[in-house]
Amino acid sequence: MENIYDIIITPLLTEKGTRLAASSQYVFQVRPWANKLQVKQAVEKIYKVKVRSIRTLNFRGKQKKIRIQSGYKADWKKAVVTLEKGQKIEIS
């Protein structure tokens, strides 16, 4: 198994994520190769909380164009983590 600190890249601090935090749901950017079980174990060990469920979403990188050269941004994955009642994560 990979290091748990390699699985979660960063918490996503967006308007939607802030609204979801009121209902014990938190949004993280995770590695594209990580599965739900790995994300659950990483969140539980890093933040010392109990996870109820996880939803993952895969995003394709957008096409970018700089002058005459074009390319793509990297693909990425988002995980929406729902915690058990009474659990909370302090993300600043």
C-alpha atoms as a PDB file:
ATOM      1  CA  MET A   1       0.000   0.000   0.000  1.00  0.00           C
ATOM      2  CA  GLU A   2       1.135   3.520  -0.744  1.00  0.00           C
ATOM      3  CA  ASN A   3       1.820   6.119   1.917  1.00  0.00           C
ATOM      4  CA  ILE A   4      -1.481   7.611   3.133  1.00  0.00           C
ATOM      5  CA  TYR A   5      -0.093  11.122   2.758  1.00  0.00           C
ATOM      6  CA  ASP A   6       0.387  10.494  -0.989  1.00  0.00           C
ATOM      7  CA  ILE A   7      -3.316   9.749  -1.560  1.00  0.00           C
ATOM      8  CA  ILE A   8      -4.896  13.066  -0.496  1.00  0.00           C
ATOM      9  CA  ILE A   9      -3.472  16.035  -2.384  1.00  0.00           C
ATOM     10  CA  THR A  10      -5.428  18.905  -0.850  1.00  0.00           C
ATOM     11  CA  PRO A  11      -8.841  19.846   0.568  1.00  0.00           C
ATOM     12  CA  LEU A  12     -10.887  21.813  -1.962  1.00  0.00           C
ATOM     13  CA  LEU A  13     -12.108  25.078  -0.469  1.00  0.00           C
ATOM     14  CA  THR A  14     -14.959  26.156  -2.732  1.00  0.00           C
ATOM     15  CA  GLU A  15     -18.406  27.645  -2.169  1.00  0.00           C
ATOM     16  CA  LYS A  16     -20.085  24.285  -2.702  1.00  0.00           C
ATOM     17  CA  GLY A  17     -17.582  22.578  -0.409  1.00  0.00           C
ATOM     18  CA  THR A  18     -18.269  25.137   2.307  1.00  0.00           C
ATOM     19  CA  ARG A  19     -22.018  24.492   2.052  1.00  0.00           C
ATOM     20  CA  LEU A  20     -21.445  20.729   2.226  1.00  0.00           C
ATOM     21  CA  ALA A  21     -19.303  21.121   5.364  1.00  0.00           C
ATOM     22  CA  ALA A  22     -22.441  22.134   7.262  1.00  0.00           C
ATOM     23  CA  SER A  23     -23.797  18.598   6.657  1.00  0.00           C
ATOM     24  CA  SER A  24     -20.507  16.834   7.584  1.00  0.00           C
ATOM     25  CA  GLN A  25     -19.362  16.409   3.978  1.00  0.00           C
ATOM     26  CA  TYR A  26     -15.863  17.466   2.929  1.00  0.00           C
ATOM     27  CA  VAL A  27     -14.292  17.676  -0.536  1.00  0.00           C
ATOM     28  CA  PHE A  28     -10.715  16.609  -1.300  1.00  0.00           C
ATOM     29  CA  GLN A  29      -8.571  16.408  -4.410  1.00  0.00           C
ATOM     30  CA  VAL A  30      -7.059  12.909  -4.473  1.00  0.00           C
ATOM     31  CA  ARG A  31      -4.690  10.963  -6.719  1.00  0.00           C
ATOM     32  CA  PRO A  32      -6.368   9.594  -9.868  1.00  0.00           C
ATOM     33  CA  TRP A  33      -5.222   6.036  -9.050  1.00  0.00           C
ATOM     34  CA  ALA A  34      -6.684   6.054  -5.513  1.00  0.00           C
ATOM     35  CA  ASN A  35      -9.817   4.008  -4.855  1.00  0.00           C
ATOM     36  CA  LYS A  36     -12.530   4.635  -2.254  1.00  0.00           C
ATOM     37  CA  LEU A  37     -11.050   2.275   0.321  1.00  0.00           C
ATOM     38  CA  GLN A  38      -7.648   3.986   0.160  1.00  0.00           C
ATOM     39  CA  VAL A  39      -9.238   7.440   0.444  1.00  0.00           C
ATOM     40  CA  LYS A  40     -11.311   6.307   3.444  1.00  0.00           C
ATOM     41  CA  GLN A  41      -8.270   4.910   5.256  1.00  0.00           C
ATOM     42  CA  ALA A  42      -6.242   8.049   4.539  1.00  0.00           C
ATOM     43  CA  VAL A  43      -8.941  10.453   5.797  1.00  0.00           C
ATOM     44  CA  GLU A  44      -9.556   8.393   8.945  1.00  0.00           C
ATOM     45  CA  LYS A  45      -5.860   8.219   9.841  1.00  0.00           C
ATOM     46  CA  ILE A  46      -4.903  11.793   8.949  1.00  0.00           C
ATOM     47  CA  TYR A  47      -7.903  13.595  10.483  1.00  0.00           C
ATOM     48  CA  LYS A  48      -8.825  10.985  13.167  1.00  0.00           C
ATOM     49  CA  VAL A  49     -12.506  10.840  12.218  1.00  0.00           C
ATOM     50  CA  LYS A  50     -14.957   8.065  11.261  1.00  0.00           C
ATOM     51  CA  VAL A  51     -16.032   8.064   7.578  1.00  0.00           C
ATOM     52  CA  ARG A  52     -19.561   6.960   6.632  1.00  0.00           C
ATOM     53  CA  SER A  53     -19.328   7.088   2.811  1.00  0.00           C
ATOM     54  CA  ILE A  54     -17.270   8.384  -0.089  1.00  0.00           C
ATOM     55  CA  ARG A  55     -18.225   9.533  -3.575  1.00  0.00           C
ATOM     56  CA  THR A  56     -15.539   9.984  -6.218  1.00  0.00           C
ATOM     57  CA  LEU A  57     -15.591  11.940  -9.468  1.00  0.00           C
ATOM     58  CA  ASN A  58     -13.033  11.791 -12.283  1.00  0.00           C
ATOM     59  CA  PHE A  59     -12.291  14.934 -14.300  1.00  0.00           C
ATOM     60  CA  ARG A  60     -10.520  15.141 -17.637  1.00  0.00           C
ATOM     61  CA  GLY A  61      -7.893  17.810 -18.086  1.00  0.00           C
ATOM     62  CA  LYS A  62      -9.002  20.793 -20.133  1.00  0.00           C
ATOM     63  CA  GLN A  63      -7.311  21.753 -23.377  1.00  0.00           C
ATOM     64  CA  LYS A  64      -5.028  24.758 -23.029  1.00  0.00           C
ATOM     65  CA  LYS A  65      -3.566  26.829 -25.831  1.00  0.00           C
ATOM     66  CA  ILE A  66      -0.547  29.116 -25.581  1.00  0.00           C
ATOM     67  CA  ARG A  67       0.060  30.950 -28.830  1.00  0.00           C
ATOM     68  CA  ILE A  68       0.437  28.202 -31.432  1.00  0.00           C
ATOM     69  CA  GLN A  69       1.204  25.396 -29.004  1.00  0.00           C
ATOM     70  CA  SER A  70      -1.635  23.395 -27.487  1.00  0.00           C
ATOM     71  CA  GLY A  71      -1.763  20.799 -24.745  1.00  0.00           C
ATOM     72  CA  TYR A  72      -3.881  19.451 -21.917  1.00  0.00           C
ATOM     73  CA  LYS A  73      -3.980  19.996 -18.180  1.00  0.00           C
ATOM     74  CA  ALA A  74      -3.593  16.880 -16.049  1.00  0.00           C
ATOM     75  CA  ASP A  75      -6.591  14.642 -15.289  1.00  0.00           C
ATOM     76  CA  TRP A  76      -7.663  14.751 -11.640  1.00  0.00           C
ATOM     77  CA  LYS A  77     -10.037  13.135  -9.163  1.00  0.00           C
ATOM     78  CA  LYS A  78     -12.314  14.608  -6.506  1.00  0.00           C
ATOM     79  CA  ALA A  79     -13.649  12.791  -3.442  1.00  0.00           C
ATOM     80  CA  VAL A  80     -16.662  13.875  -1.393  1.00  0.00           C
ATOM     81  CA  VAL A  81     -16.292  12.364   2.081  1.00  0.00           C
ATOM     82  CA  THR A  82     -19.318  12.045   4.395  1.00  0.00           C
ATOM     83  CA  LEU A  83     -18.512  11.705   8.094  1.00  0.00           C
ATOM     84  CA  GLU A  84     -20.486  10.026  10.869  1.00  0.00           C
ATOM     85  CA  LYS A  85     -22.791  12.236  12.951  1.00  0.00           C
ATOM     86  CA  GLY A  86     -20.946  14.450  15.398  1.00  0.00           C
ATOM     87  CA  GLN A  87     -17.629  14.190  13.507  1.00  0.00           C
ATOM     88  CA  LYS A  88     -15.934  17.336  12.208  1.00  0.00           C
ATOM     89  CA  ILE A  89     -12.749  18.295  10.350  1.00  0.00           C
ATOM     90  CA  GLU A  90     -11.092  21.653  10.947  1.00  0.00           C
ATOM     91  CA  ILE A  91      -9.939  22.914   7.531  1.00  0.00           C
ATOM     92  CA  SER A  92      -8.667  26.483   7.384  1.00  0.00           C
END
